[in-house]
Each structure stands twice: as C-alpha cells, then as structure tokens.
C-alpha cells in the first residue's frame, strides 16, 4: 500500500517498532522457522509492554505490573531474563 500524499511519516511508528524488534531481539538469533519466530516475537512483546522502559514515555513502562510499592531500597535486586538472557528486567524484591 502506498503512503498517502502529504503524509511522509505515516508509517514512522511501525518502522521504528520493527527496527527495535530487529535490533534488540532478532539480530541475536538464527530463526529456525515460523514457530521459533513466533515464540521470539511473543516473548519480546511481553518484555516490550511490561518490562522495558520507554524514553518517549518519560522512562515509564507501557503496562507496568502492579505490585507492592517498595521505595525504601531494602529489598534485593532481582533479574528476570527472557530468551536466554538476551532480554533482562531488573526489579527490587519486596523486603
């Protein structure tokens, strides 16, 4: 489908998302088939929406997991790894 006239940035958001998926996920793997690709994309989408900080959103997470507030710094730092450690999310455990 052609980009409409007078709107050269019509696909900019989609193109940026595809670039992010490629750079942060797909460039680190040799995709072995459609099933493998779907698994990689599914894991990346969960990470992207629930664990990845977005600079354009003032370093917020799109859909943060609601949990107990623990701002006192007493809990230990924990790491949640996805896709064999390619994607990581660090959080503070409740004390």
PDB file of N, CA and C in Angstrom:
ATOM      1  N   UNK A   1       0.846  -1.172   0.000  1.00  0.00           N
ATOM      2  CA  UNK A   1       0.000   0.000   0.000  1.00  0.00           C
ATOM      3  C   UNK A   1       0.898   1.244   0.000  1.00  0.00           C
ATOM      4  N   UNK A   2       0.592   2.182  -0.836  1.00  0.00           N
ATOM      5  CA  UNK A   2       1.383   3.403  -0.950  1.00  0.00           C
ATOM      6  C   UNK A   2       1.061   4.359   0.185  1.00  0.00           C
ATOM      7  N   UNK A   3       2.053   5.150   0.564  1.00  0.00           N
ATOM      8  CA  UNK A   3       1.849   6.167   1.596  1.00  0.00           C
ATOM      9  C   UNK A   3       1.028   7.305   1.014  1.00  0.00           C
ATOM     10  N   UNK A   4      -0.010   7.769   1.720  1.00  0.00           N
ATOM     11  CA  UNK A   4      -0.829   8.864   1.193  1.00  0.00           C
ATOM     12  C   UNK A   4      -0.011  10.135   0.966  1.00  0.00           C
ATOM     13  N   UNK A   5      -0.472  10.940   0.035  1.00  0.00           N
ATOM     14  CA  UNK A   5       0.193  12.206  -0.265  1.00  0.00           C
ATOM     15  C   UNK A   5       0.168  13.121   0.959  1.00  0.00           C
ATOM     16  N   UNK A   6       1.201  13.938   1.117  1.00  0.00           N
ATOM     17  CA  UNK A   6       1.335  14.912   2.207  1.00  0.00           C
ATOM     18  C   UNK A   6       1.420  14.272   3.591  1.00  0.00           C
ATOM     19  N   UNK A   7       1.787  13.020   3.658  1.00  0.00           N
ATOM     20  CA  UNK A   7       1.968  12.368   4.960  1.00  0.00           C
ATOM     21  C   UNK A   7       3.161  11.410   4.893  1.00  0.00           C
ATOM     22  N   UNK A   8       4.367  11.960   4.748  1.00  0.00           N
ATOM     23  CA  UNK A   8       5.534  11.093   4.595  1.00  0.00           C
ATOM     24  C   UNK A   8       5.892  10.290   5.839  1.00  0.00           C
ATOM     25  N   UNK A   9       5.425  10.683   7.007  1.00  0.00           N
ATOM     26  CA  UNK A   9       5.746   9.970   8.237  1.00  0.00           C
ATOM     27  C   UNK A   9       4.623   9.042   8.685  1.00  0.00           C
ATOM     28  N   UNK A  10       3.785   8.660   7.767  1.00  0.00           N
ATOM     29  CA  UNK A  10       2.616   7.838   8.092  1.00  0.00           C
ATOM     30  C   UNK A  10       3.004   6.516   8.749  1.00  0.00           C
ATOM     31  N   UNK A  11       4.079   5.916   8.305  1.00  0.00           N
ATOM     32  CA  UNK A  11       4.489   4.615   8.823  1.00  0.00           C
ATOM     33  C   UNK A  11       5.647   4.710   9.811  1.00  0.00           C
ATOM     34  N   UNK A  12       5.962   5.879  10.301  1.00  0.00           N
ATOM     35  CA  UNK A  12       7.151   6.063  11.142  1.00  0.00           C
ATOM     36  C   UNK A  12       7.093   5.242  12.428  1.00  0.00           C
ATOM     37  N   UNK A  13       5.939   5.172  13.064  1.00  0.00           N
ATOM     38  CA  UNK A  13       5.825   4.430  14.325  1.00  0.00           C
ATOM     39  C   UNK A  13       6.033   2.944  14.082  1.00  0.00           C
ATOM     40  N   UNK A  14       5.401   2.409  13.046  1.00  0.00           N
ATOM     41  CA  UNK A  14       5.561   0.990  12.730  1.00  0.00           C
ATOM     42  C   UNK A  14       7.006   0.677  12.353  1.00  0.00           C
ATOM     43  N   UNK A  15       7.622   1.543  11.564  1.00  0.00           N
ATOM     44  CA  UNK A  15       9.004   1.315  11.157  1.00  0.00           C
ATOM     45  C   UNK A  15       9.941   1.363  12.355  1.00  0.00           C
ATOM     46  N   UNK A  16       9.709   2.247  13.299  1.00  0.00           N
ATOM     47  CA  UNK A  16      10.557   2.327  14.495  1.00  0.00           C
ATOM     48  C   UNK A  16      10.395   1.081  15.356  1.00  0.00           C
ATOM     49  N   UNK A  17       9.166   0.583  15.487  1.00  0.00           N
ATOM     50  CA  UNK A  17       8.932  -0.627  16.268  1.00  0.00           C
ATOM     51  C   UNK A  17       9.637  -1.822  15.619  1.00  0.00           C
ATOM     52  N   UNK A  18       9.541  -1.955  14.317  1.00  0.00           N
ATOM     53  CA  UNK A  18      10.192  -3.060  13.616  1.00  0.00           C
ATOM     54  C   UNK A  18      11.700  -2.976  13.797  1.00  0.00           C
ATOM     55  N   UNK A  19      12.253  -1.768  13.738  1.00  0.00           N
ATOM     56  CA  UNK A  19      13.695  -1.597  13.954  1.00  0.00           C
ATOM     57  C   UNK A  19      14.081  -2.023  15.375  1.00  0.00           C
ATOM     58  N   UNK A  20      13.257  -1.665  16.357  1.00  0.00           N
ATOM     59  CA  UNK A  20      13.518  -2.044  17.748  1.00  0.00           C
ATOM     60  C   UNK A  20      13.500  -3.559  17.905  1.00  0.00           C
ATOM     61  N   UNK A  21      12.506  -4.222  17.325  1.00  0.00           N
ATOM     62  CA  UNK A  21      12.414  -5.682  17.403  1.00  0.00           C
ATOM     63  C   UNK A  21      13.652  -6.320  16.783  1.00  0.00           C
ATOM     64  N   UNK A  22      14.061  -5.827  15.640  1.00  0.00           N
ATOM     65  CA  UNK A  22      15.232  -6.398  14.976  1.00  0.00           C
ATOM     66  C   UNK A  22      16.500  -6.190  15.799  1.00  0.00           C
ATOM     67  N   UNK A  23      16.733  -4.961  16.276  1.00  0.00           N
ATOM     68  CA  UNK A  23      17.974  -4.657  16.981  1.00  0.00           C
ATOM     69  C   UNK A  23      18.061  -5.321  18.354  1.00  0.00           C
ATOM     70  N   UNK A  24      16.964  -5.336  19.088  1.00  0.00           N
ATOM     71  CA  UNK A  24      17.000  -5.838  20.461  1.00  0.00           C
ATOM     72  C   UNK A  24      16.713  -7.335  20.582  1.00  0.00           C
ATOM     73  N   UNK A  25      16.157  -7.937  19.530  1.00  0.00           N
ATOM     74  CA  UNK A  25      15.780  -9.343  19.646  1.00  0.00           C
ATOM     75  C   UNK A  25      16.297 -10.179  18.478  1.00  0.00           C
ATOM     76  N   UNK A  26      15.797  -9.943  17.292  1.00  0.00           N
ATOM     77  CA  UNK A  26      16.032 -10.853  16.178  1.00  0.00           C
ATOM     78  C   UNK A  26      17.479 -10.902  15.706  1.00  0.00           C
ATOM     79  N   UNK A  27      18.226  -9.820  15.857  1.00  0.00           N
ATOM     80  CA  UNK A  27      19.629  -9.827  15.440  1.00  0.00           C
ATOM     81  C   UNK A  27      20.495 -10.741  16.302  1.00  0.00           C
ATOM     82  N   UNK A  28      19.967 -11.216  17.420  1.00  0.00           N
ATOM     83  CA  UNK A  28      20.735 -12.065  18.337  1.00  0.00           C
ATOM     84  C   UNK A  28      20.457 -13.557  18.134  1.00  0.00           C
ATOM     85  N   UNK A  29      19.583 -13.887  17.189  1.00  0.00           N
ATOM     86  CA  UNK A  29      19.183 -15.281  16.994  1.00  0.00           C
ATOM     87  C   UNK A  29      19.238 -15.668  15.529  1.00  0.00           C
ATOM     88  N   UNK A  30      19.394 -16.951  15.284  1.00  0.00           N
ATOM     89  CA  UNK A  30      19.172 -17.516  13.965  1.00  0.00           C
ATOM     90  C   UNK A  30      17.790 -18.145  14.034  1.00  0.00           C
ATOM     91  N   UNK A  31      16.853 -17.573  13.306  1.00  0.00           N
ATOM     92  CA  UNK A  31      15.467 -18.031  13.357  1.00  0.00           C
ATOM     93  C   UNK A  31      15.366 -19.345  12.579  1.00  0.00           C
ATOM     94  N   UNK A  32      14.832 -20.377  13.232  1.00  0.00           N
ATOM     95  CA  UNK A  32      14.801 -21.721  12.670  1.00  0.00           C
ATOM     96  C   UNK A  32      13.470 -22.089  12.024  1.00  0.00           C
ATOM     97  N   UNK A  33      12.537 -21.176  11.991  1.00  0.00           N
ATOM     98  CA  UNK A  33      11.256 -21.452  11.364  1.00  0.00           C
ATOM     99  C   UNK A  33      10.197 -20.507  11.893  1.00  0.00           C
ATOM    100  N   UNK A  34       9.004 -20.652  11.358  1.00  0.00           N
ATOM    101  CA  UNK A  34       7.906 -19.762  11.751  1.00  0.00           C
ATOM    102  C   UNK A  34       7.549 -19.925  13.230  1.00  0.00           C
ATOM    103  N   UNK A  35       7.523 -21.147  13.715  1.00  0.00           N
ATOM    104  CA  UNK A  35       7.182 -21.390  15.123  1.00  0.00           C
ATOM    105  C   UNK A  35       8.199 -20.713  16.048  1.00  0.00           C
ATOM    106  N   UNK A  36       9.467 -20.817  15.714  1.00  0.00           N
ATOM    107  CA  UNK A  36      10.525 -20.186  16.502  1.00  0.00           C
ATOM    108  C   UNK A  36      10.397 -18.668  16.458  1.00  0.00           C
ATOM    109  N   UNK A  37      10.142 -18.114  15.263  1.00  0.00           N
ATOM    110  CA  UNK A  37       9.957 -16.669  15.116  1.00  0.00           C
ATOM    111  C   UNK A  37       8.781 -16.185  15.959  1.00  0.00           C
ATOM    112  N   UNK A  38       7.684 -16.915  15.933  1.00  0.00           N
ATOM    113  CA  UNK A  38       6.514 -16.515  16.733  1.00  0.00           C
ATOM    114  C   UNK A  38       6.829 -16.528  18.225  1.00  0.00           C
ATOM    115  N   UNK A  39       7.593 -17.515  18.669  1.00  0.00           N
ATOM    116  CA  UNK A  39       7.995 -17.585  20.082  1.00  0.00           C
ATOM    117  C   UNK A  39       8.855 -16.375  20.453  1.00  0.00           C
ATOM    118  N   UNK A  40       9.841 -16.065  19.615  1.00  0.00           N
ATOM    119  CA  UNK A  40      10.704 -14.914  19.880  1.00  0.00           C
ATOM    120  C   UNK A  40       9.895 -13.620  19.946  1.00  0.00           C
ATOM    121  N   UNK A  41       9.000 -13.432  18.995  1.00  0.00           N
ATOM    122  CA  UNK A  41       8.189 -12.211  18.970  1.00  0.00           C
ATOM    123  C   UNK A  41       7.238 -12.130  20.157  1.00  0.00           C
ATOM    124  N   UNK A  42       6.654 -13.260  20.540  1.00  0.00           N
ATOM    125  CA  UNK A  42       5.742 -13.278  21.689  1.00  0.00           C
ATOM    126  C   UNK A  42       6.475 -12.873  22.963  1.00  0.00           C
ATOM    127  N   UNK A  43       7.660 -13.434  23.178  1.00  0.00           N
ATOM    128  CA  UNK A  43       8.448 -13.080  24.360  1.00  0.00           C
ATOM    129  C   UNK A  43       8.888 -11.613  24.319  1.00  0.00           C
ATOM    130  N   UNK A  44       9.267 -11.125  23.138  1.00  0.00           N
ATOM    131  CA  UNK A  44       9.688  -9.735  23.032  1.00  0.00           C
ATOM    132  C   UNK A  44       8.531  -8.791  23.319  1.00  0.00           C
ATOM    133  N   UNK A  45       7.337  -9.096  22.830  1.00  0.00           N
ATOM    134  CA  UNK A  45       6.170  -8.230  23.057  1.00  0.00           C
ATOM    135  C   UNK A  45       5.851  -8.151  24.546  1.00  0.00           C
ATOM    136  N   UNK A  46       5.915  -9.265  25.252  1.00  0.00           N
ATOM    137  CA  UNK A  46       5.683  -9.249  26.700  1.00  0.00           C
ATOM    138  C   UNK A  46       6.719  -8.360  27.380  1.00  0.00           C
ATOM    139  N   UNK A  47       7.971  -8.501  26.979  1.00  0.00           N
ATOM    140  CA  UNK A  47       9.047  -7.661  27.538  1.00  0.00           C
ATOM    141  C   UNK A  47       8.833  -6.196  27.177  1.00  0.00           C
ATOM    142  N   UNK A  48       8.500  -5.923  25.934  1.00  0.00           N
ATOM    143  CA  UNK A  48       8.346  -4.555  25.432  1.00  0.00           C
ATOM    144  C   UNK A  48       7.246  -3.801  26.179  1.00  0.00           C
ATOM    145  N   UNK A  49       6.121  -4.457  26.408  1.00  0.00           N
ATOM    146  CA  UNK A  49       4.986  -3.794  27.052  1.00  0.00           C
ATOM    147  C   UNK A  49       5.049  -3.806  28.572  1.00  0.00           C
ATOM    148  N   UNK A  50       5.668  -4.815  29.165  1.00  0.00           N
ATOM    149  CA  UNK A  50       5.597  -4.945  30.615  1.00  0.00           C
ATOM    150  C   UNK A  50       6.890  -4.768  31.383  1.00  0.00           C
ATOM    151  N   UNK A  51       8.045  -4.716  30.682  1.00  0.00           N
ATOM    152  CA  UNK A  51       9.311  -4.673  31.410  1.00  0.00           C
ATOM    153  C   UNK A  51      10.299  -3.645  30.860  1.00  0.00           C
ATOM    154  N   UNK A  52      10.081  -3.134  29.685  1.00  0.00           N
ATOM    155  CA  UNK A  52      11.049  -2.248  29.036  1.00  0.00           C
ATOM    156  C   UNK A  52      10.664  -0.790  29.269  1.00  0.00           C
ATOM    157  N   UNK A  53      11.646  -0.001  29.690  1.00  0.00           N
ATOM    158  CA  UNK A  53      11.413   1.428  29.895  1.00  0.00           C
ATOM    159  C   UNK A  53      11.464   2.143  28.549  1.00  0.00           C
ATOM    160  N   UNK A  54      10.571   3.111  28.350  1.00  0.00           N
ATOM    161  CA  UNK A  54      10.454   3.818  27.080  1.00  0.00           C
ATOM    162  C   UNK A  54      10.805   5.286  27.283  1.00  0.00           C
ATOM    163  N   UNK A  55      11.853   5.736  26.614  1.00  0.00           N
ATOM    164  CA  UNK A  55      12.318   7.113  26.754  1.00  0.00           C
ATOM    165  C   UNK A  55      11.249   8.109  26.308  1.00  0.00           C
ATOM    166  N   UNK A  56      10.492   7.791  25.293  1.00  0.00           N
ATOM    167  CA  UNK A  56       9.447   8.674  24.804  1.00  0.00           C
ATOM    168  C   UNK A  56       8.279   8.821  25.770  1.00  0.00           C
ATOM    169  N   UNK A  57       8.200   7.943  26.752  1.00  0.00           N
ATOM    170  CA  UNK A  57       7.139   7.999  27.770  1.00  0.00           C
ATOM    171  C   UNK A  57       7.720   8.410  29.113  1.00  0.00           C
ATOM    172  N   UNK A  58       8.734   9.261  29.106  1.00  0.00           N
ATOM    173  CA  UNK A  58       9.408   9.715  30.329  1.00  0.00           C
ATOM    174  C   UNK A  58       9.943   8.539  31.145  1.00  0.00           C
ATOM    175  N   UNK A  59      10.541   7.589  30.469  1.00  0.00           N
ATOM    176  CA  UNK A  59      11.142   6.395  31.081  1.00  0.00           C
ATOM    177  C   UNK A  59      10.136   5.597  31.913  1.00  0.00           C
ATOM    178  N   UNK A  60       8.946   5.460  31.392  1.00  0.00           N
ATOM    179  CA  UNK A  60       7.901   4.666  32.026  1.00  0.00           C
ATOM    180  C   UNK A  60       7.718   3.363  31.256  1.00  0.00           C
ATOM    181  N   UNK A  61       7.051   2.415  31.888  1.00  0.00           N
ATOM    182  CA  UNK A  61       6.716   1.141  31.263  1.00  0.00           C
ATOM    183  C   UNK A  61       5.285   1.259  30.753  1.00  0.00           C
ATOM    184  N   UNK A  62       5.011   0.699  29.567  1.00  0.00           N
ATOM    185  CA  UNK A  62       3.687   0.827  28.962  1.00  0.00           C
ATOM    186  C   UNK A  62       2.619   0.208  29.861  1.00  0.00           C
ATOM    187  N   UNK A  63       2.799  -1.054  30.259  1.00  0.00           N
ATOM    188  CA  UNK A  63       1.848  -1.747  31.140  1.00  0.00           C
ATOM    189  C   UNK A  63       2.606  -2.305  32.344  1.00  0.00           C
ATOM    190  N   UNK A  64       2.889  -1.471  33.339  1.00  0.00           N
ATOM    191  CA  UNK A  64       3.668  -1.972  34.482  1.00  0.00           C
ATOM    192  C   UNK A  64       2.877  -3.001  35.286  1.00  0.00           C
ATOM    193  N   UNK A  65       3.590  -3.958  35.828  1.00  0.00           N
ATOM    194  CA  UNK A  65       2.981  -4.958  36.707  1.00  0.00           C
ATOM    195  C   UNK A  65       2.697  -4.274  38.040  1.00  0.00           C
ATOM    196  N   UNK A  66       1.468  -4.359  38.481  1.00  0.00           N
ATOM    197  CA  UNK A  66       1.091  -3.715  39.736  1.00  0.00           C
ATOM    198  C   UNK A  66       1.565  -4.585  40.888  1.00  0.00           C
ATOM    199  N   UNK A  67       2.328  -3.990  41.771  1.00  0.00           N
ATOM    200  CA  UNK A  67       2.845  -4.724  42.918  1.00  0.00           C
ATOM    201  C   UNK A  67       2.951  -3.805  44.110  1.00  0.00           C
ATOM    202  N   UNK A  68       3.425  -4.339  45.204  1.00  0.00           N
ATOM    203  CA  UNK A  68       3.592  -3.538  46.408  1.00  0.00           C
ATOM    204  C   UNK A  68       4.683  -2.504  46.192  1.00  0.00           C
ATOM    205  N   UNK A  69       4.412  -1.292  46.616  1.00  0.00           N
ATOM    206  CA  UNK A  69       5.411  -0.230  46.498  1.00  0.00           C
ATOM    207  C   UNK A  69       6.533  -0.489  47.486  1.00  0.00           C
ATOM    208  N   UNK A  70       7.752  -0.390  47.008  1.00  0.00           N
ATOM    209  CA  UNK A  70       8.904  -0.649  47.859  1.00  0.00           C
ATOM    210  C   UNK A  70       9.986   0.359  47.496  1.00  0.00           C
ATOM    211  N   UNK A  71       9.814   1.583  47.930  1.00  0.00           N
ATOM    212  CA  UNK A  71      10.736   2.652  47.591  1.00  0.00           C
ATOM    213  C   UNK A  71      11.816   2.860  48.642  1.00  0.00           C
ATOM    214  N   UNK A  72      11.819   2.055  49.701  1.00  0.00           N
ATOM    215  CA  UNK A  72      12.798   2.272  50.761  1.00  0.00           C
ATOM    216  C   UNK A  72      14.169   1.687  50.433  1.00  0.00           C
ATOM    217  N   UNK A  73      14.282   0.921  49.347  1.00  0.00           N
ATOM    218  CA  UNK A  73      15.572   0.381  48.948  1.00  0.00           C
ATOM    219  C   UNK A  73      16.049  -0.778  49.791  1.00  0.00           C
ATOM    220  N   UNK A  74      15.151  -1.435  50.543  1.00  0.00           N
ATOM    221  CA  UNK A  74      15.562  -2.503  51.438  1.00  0.00           C
ATOM    222  C   UNK A  74      15.585  -3.871  50.766  1.00  0.00           C
ATOM    223  N   UNK A  75      14.841  -4.044  49.684  1.00  0.00           N
ATOM    224  CA  UNK A  75      14.777  -5.354  49.036  1.00  0.00           C
ATOM    225  C   UNK A  75      15.981  -5.617  48.150  1.00  0.00           C
ATOM    226  N   UNK A  76      16.214  -6.895  47.864  1.00  0.00           N
ATOM    227  CA  UNK A  76      17.319  -7.284  46.996  1.00  0.00           C
ATOM    228  C   UNK A  76      16.933  -7.064  45.539  1.00  0.00           C
ATOM    229  N   UNK A  77      17.934  -6.805  44.721  1.00  0.00           N
ATOM    230  CA  UNK A  77      17.713  -6.634  43.293  1.00  0.00           C
ATOM    231  C   UNK A  77      17.602  -8.012  42.659  1.00  0.00           C
ATOM    232  N   UNK A  78      16.571  -8.189  41.836  1.00  0.00           N
ATOM    233  CA  UNK A  78      16.361  -9.456  41.151  1.00  0.00           C
ATOM    234  C   UNK A  78      16.344  -9.203  39.648  1.00  0.00           C
ATOM    235  N   UNK A  79      16.712 -10.232  38.892  1.00  0.00           N
ATOM    236  CA  UNK A  79      16.743 -10.133  37.435  1.00  0.00           C
ATOM    237  C   UNK A  79      15.783 -11.140  36.846  1.00  0.00           C
ATOM    238  N   UNK A  80      14.954 -10.676  35.924  1.00  0.00           N
ATOM    239  CA  UNK A  80      14.087 -11.569  35.172  1.00  0.00           C
ATOM    240  C   UNK A  80      14.640 -11.617  33.751  1.00  0.00           C
ATOM    241  N   UNK A  81      15.078 -12.781  33.318  1.00  0.00           N
ATOM    242  CA  UNK A  81      15.682 -12.932  31.993  1.00  0.00           C
ATOM    243  C   UNK A  81      14.701 -13.610  31.045  1.00  0.00           C
ATOM    244  N   UNK A  82      14.699 -13.137  29.818  1.00  0.00           N
ATOM    245  CA  UNK A  82      13.888 -13.747  28.760  1.00  0.00           C
ATOM    246  C   UNK A  82      14.798 -14.099  27.604  1.00  0.00           C
ATOM    247  N   UNK A  83      14.419 -15.104  26.861  1.00  0.00           N
ATOM    248  CA  UNK A  83      15.139 -15.532  25.668  1.00  0.00           C
ATOM    249  C   UNK A  83      16.610 -15.806  25.969  1.00  0.00           C
ATOM    250  N   UNK A  84      16.850 -16.562  27.014  1.00  0.00           N
ATOM    251  CA  UNK A  84      18.206 -16.965  27.353  1.00  0.00           C
ATOM    252  C   UNK A  84      19.090 -15.844  27.858  1.00  0.00           C
ATOM    253  N   UNK A  85      18.491 -14.782  28.367  1.00  0.00           N
ATOM    254  CA  UNK A  85      19.260 -13.672  28.907  1.00  0.00           C
ATOM    255  C   UNK A  85      19.465 -12.523  27.946  1.00  0.00           C
ATOM    256  N   UNK A  86      18.957 -12.623  26.722  1.00  0.00           N
ATOM    257  CA  UNK A  86      19.080 -11.522  25.766  1.00  0.00           C
ATOM    258  C   UNK A  86      18.275 -10.323  26.253  1.00  0.00           C
ATOM    259  N   UNK A  87      17.105 -10.576  26.800  1.00  0.00           N
ATOM    260  CA  UNK A  87      16.270  -9.513  27.361  1.00  0.00           C
ATOM    261  C   UNK A  87      16.266  -9.657  28.878  1.00  0.00           C
ATOM    262  N   UNK A  88      16.581  -8.586  29.576  1.00  0.00           N
ATOM    263  CA  UNK A  88      16.626  -8.631  31.037  1.00  0.00           C
ATOM    264  C   UNK A  88      15.808  -7.503  31.630  1.00  0.00           C
ATOM    265  N   UNK A  89      15.213  -7.793  32.785  1.00  0.00           N
ATOM    266  CA  UNK A  89      14.452  -6.798  33.522  1.00  0.00           C
ATOM    267  C   UNK A  89      14.894  -6.901  34.979  1.00  0.00           C
ATOM    268  N   UNK A  90      15.361  -5.793  35.530  1.00  0.00           N
ATOM    269  CA  UNK A  90      15.815  -5.766  36.915  1.00  0.00           C
ATOM    270  C   UNK A  90      14.772  -5.061  37.773  1.00  0.00           C
ATOM    271  N   UNK A  91      14.474  -5.652  38.918  1.00  0.00           N
ATOM    272  CA  UNK A  91      13.496  -5.068  39.821  1.00  0.00           C
ATOM    273  C   UNK A  91      13.907  -5.354  41.258  1.00  0.00           C
ATOM    274  N   UNK A  92      13.323  -4.634  42.179  1.00  0.00           N
ATOM    275  CA  UNK A  92      13.610  -4.801  43.604  1.00  0.00           C
ATOM    276  C   UNK A  92      12.548  -5.702  44.219  1.00  0.00           C
ATOM    277  N   UNK A  93      12.993  -6.752  44.869  1.00  0.00           N
ATOM    278  CA  UNK A  93      12.073  -7.643  45.566  1.00  0.00           C
ATOM    279  C   UNK A  93      11.561  -6.983  46.824  1.00  0.00           C
ATOM    280  N   UNK A  94      10.345  -7.343  47.198  1.00  0.00           N
ATOM    281  CA  UNK A  94       9.766  -6.808  48.435  1.00  0.00           C
ATOM    282  C   UNK A  94      10.569  -7.317  49.627  1.00  0.00           C
ATOM    283  N   UNK A  95      10.776  -6.450  50.575  1.00  0.00           N
ATOM    284  CA  UNK A  95      11.565  -6.814  51.762  1.00  0.00           C
ATOM    285  C   UNK A  95      10.768  -7.647  52.722  1.00  0.00           C
TER     286      UNK A  95
END
